[in-house]
Amino acid sequence: MAVTTHKYPANLHSAMGFLKGKKFCAAVTANLASSPDGVVSITDVMEMVPVMKGLLVTDAWLRVDVSTTVSVAVSVGDASDADGYDAGVGLAVTAGTITKSLEGTDAYAAVGRIYTSNDQTIDLKFLTSNVSAGTVTLFVEGVLTETYA
């Protein structure tokens, strides 16, 4: 089965205000049943938050806003480690449930990750089932350590 990469939403960089040396918190909400690129299926990747050179991401967490109708699990990570922020998050839970990295189990939980190049994203990777419903918000916290180039 081919993996589809869903870009969600387009042009997010322009909406995010990163200031060198200042903490930030970004939040992106995605309707999992109606991605702009089509139906989200098992093994697909949804690019949620663009990151840039010099960004130190210290934390990422996922809030389930509308539960999925089937047992769907995702990992939160990036191209280097698909579950670096959170592994195997179930989305068929009560609306409002928040999941977060655990030190010792998620690679980036202890110290975060600094990004050394542009055009990277923090993603959701779908591990089980096709998605027919559900909405999630991904929150990312960190600091910009050098000027975006």
Protein backbone atom coordinates (compact mmCIF):
# COMPACT_ATOMS: atom_id res chain seq x y z
CA MET A 1 0.00 0.00 0.00
CA ALA A 2 1.34 3.42 -0.94
CA VAL A 3 1.84 5.98 1.79
CA THR A 4 0.08 9.28 1.23
CA THR A 5 1.52 12.41 2.81
CA HIS A 6 -1.23 14.85 3.77
CA LYS A 7 -0.14 18.49 4.11
CA TYR A 8 -2.36 20.12 6.68
CA PRO A 9 -2.89 23.06 6.62
CA ALA A 10 -1.12 24.79 3.75
CA ASN A 11 1.10 27.86 4.36
CA LEU A 12 1.10 27.60 8.15
CA HIS A 13 4.50 29.33 8.52
CA SER A 14 2.99 32.67 7.62
CA ALA A 15 0.44 32.29 10.42
CA MET A 16 3.00 31.45 13.11
CA GLY A 17 4.96 34.19 14.83
CA PHE A 18 8.41 32.90 15.81
CA LEU A 19 10.69 35.41 17.56
CA LYS A 20 14.32 34.59 18.31
CA GLY A 21 14.83 33.70 21.95
CA LYS A 22 11.10 33.77 22.78
CA LYS A 23 9.00 30.79 23.79
CA PHE A 24 6.16 29.80 21.51
CA CYS A 25 3.22 27.46 21.50
CA ALA A 26 1.63 26.52 18.17
CA ALA A 27 -1.64 24.64 17.78
CA VAL A 28 -2.98 23.03 14.61
CA THR A 29 -6.38 21.36 14.41
CA ALA A 30 -7.10 18.69 11.81
CA ASN A 31 -10.35 17.07 10.77
CA LEU A 32 -9.12 13.54 10.19
CA ALA A 33 -12.06 12.52 8.03
CA SER A 34 -11.67 15.30 5.47
CA SER A 35 -8.01 16.00 4.85
CA PRO A 36 -7.44 18.39 1.93
CA ASP A 37 -5.56 15.54 0.21
CA GLY A 38 -8.25 12.87 0.59
CA VAL A 39 -9.17 10.10 3.01
CA VAL A 40 -6.59 9.32 5.68
CA SER A 41 -5.64 5.64 5.61
CA ILE A 42 -3.43 3.30 7.60
CA THR A 43 0.31 4.14 7.18
CA ASP A 44 -0.44 7.67 5.94
CA VAL A 45 1.43 10.66 7.34
CA MET A 46 -0.27 13.98 8.07
CA GLU A 47 2.20 16.90 8.21
CA MET A 48 0.80 19.06 10.98
CA VAL A 49 3.29 21.71 12.15
CA PRO A 50 6.12 23.04 9.97
CA VAL A 51 9.40 23.55 11.80
CA MET A 52 12.39 25.57 10.73
CA LYS A 53 16.13 25.73 11.25
CA GLY A 54 17.00 26.76 14.78
CA LEU A 55 13.71 25.72 16.34
CA LEU A 56 14.08 23.86 19.64
CA VAL A 57 10.85 21.95 20.18
CA THR A 58 10.62 21.15 23.88
CA ASP A 59 7.20 19.52 23.99
CA ALA A 60 4.35 18.27 21.83
CA TRP A 61 0.98 16.97 22.90
CA LEU A 62 -2.22 15.86 21.21
CA ARG A 63 -5.79 16.68 22.23
CA VAL A 64 -8.64 14.58 20.85
CA ASP A 65 -11.43 17.07 20.09
CA VAL A 66 -13.83 14.62 18.41
CA SER A 67 -13.27 10.92 19.00
CA THR A 68 -12.74 8.58 16.06
CA THR A 69 -15.51 6.07 15.40
CA VAL A 70 -13.09 3.15 15.08
CA SER A 71 -9.97 2.18 16.98
CA VAL A 72 -7.36 4.44 15.37
CA ALA A 73 -3.82 4.90 16.67
CA VAL A 74 -1.25 7.49 15.60
CA SER A 75 2.30 8.39 16.50
CA VAL A 76 3.53 11.97 16.83
CA GLY A 77 7.01 12.60 15.44
CA ASP A 78 8.98 13.80 12.44
CA ALA A 79 10.88 12.35 9.48
CA SER A 80 13.81 11.35 11.72
CA ASP A 81 11.69 9.54 14.33
CA ALA A 82 8.03 8.91 13.52
CA ASP A 83 7.14 8.47 17.20
CA GLY A 84 9.75 10.77 18.74
CA TYR A 85 7.16 12.88 20.59
CA ASP A 86 4.46 10.30 21.36
CA ALA A 87 4.09 6.65 20.35
CA GLY A 88 0.87 4.74 19.70
CA VAL A 89 -1.76 7.30 20.71
CA GLY A 90 -5.32 5.92 20.60
CA LEU A 91 -7.90 8.35 19.19
CA ALA A 92 -11.09 6.44 20.08
CA VAL A 93 -11.24 8.14 23.49
CA THR A 94 -13.39 10.71 25.26
CA ALA A 95 -13.34 14.12 23.61
CA GLY A 96 -10.94 16.42 25.45
CA THR A 97 -8.43 13.67 26.24
CA ILE A 98 -4.82 14.91 26.07
CA THR A 99 -1.81 12.68 25.43
CA LYS A 100 1.75 13.71 26.12
CA SER A 101 5.32 12.41 25.79
CA LEU A 102 6.73 10.25 28.55
CA GLU A 103 10.40 10.45 29.53
CA GLY A 104 12.08 7.12 28.99
CA THR A 105 9.58 5.97 26.37
CA ASP A 106 9.52 8.77 23.78
CA ALA A 107 12.86 9.84 22.24
CA TYR A 108 12.31 13.61 22.42
CA ALA A 109 10.58 13.70 25.81
CA ALA A 110 13.59 14.46 28.00
CA VAL A 111 15.23 17.38 26.18
CA GLY A 112 13.22 17.99 23.03
CA ARG A 113 14.75 18.30 19.59
CA ILE A 114 16.54 21.13 17.82
CA TYR A 115 15.96 21.30 14.08
CA THR A 116 19.05 22.04 12.00
CA SER A 117 17.44 22.52 8.59
CA ASN A 118 14.34 24.09 7.09
CA ASP A 119 11.30 22.42 5.54
CA GLN A 120 10.65 19.81 8.22
CA THR A 121 7.36 19.02 9.92
CA ILE A 122 5.96 17.46 13.05
CA ASP A 123 3.61 14.77 11.86
CA LEU A 124 0.91 12.30 12.74
CA LYS A 125 1.60 8.82 11.38
CA PHE A 126 -1.48 6.58 11.21
CA LEU A 127 -0.78 3.11 12.60
CA THR A 128 -4.14 1.33 12.57
CA SER A 129 -7.37 1.53 10.59
CA ASN A 130 -8.65 4.01 8.06
CA VAL A 131 -10.16 7.17 9.52
CA SER A 132 -13.84 7.93 9.01
CA ALA A 133 -14.30 10.60 11.68
CA GLY A 134 -12.44 12.54 14.33
CA THR A 135 -10.72 15.84 15.02
CA VAL A 136 -7.43 16.40 16.85
CA THR A 137 -5.33 19.40 17.84
CA LEU A 138 -1.55 19.09 17.97
CA PHE A 139 0.20 21.53 20.30
CA VAL A 140 3.93 22.22 19.93
CA GLU A 141 6.01 24.26 22.39
CA GLY A 142 9.59 25.49 22.16
CA VAL A 143 11.89 28.39 21.35
CA LEU A 144 13.55 29.77 18.20
CA THR A 145 17.30 29.68 18.85
CA GLU A 146 18.56 31.34 15.65
CA THR A 147 17.23 33.41 12.82
CA TYR A 148 15.14 31.64 10.22
CA ALA A 149 17.15 31.51 6.99
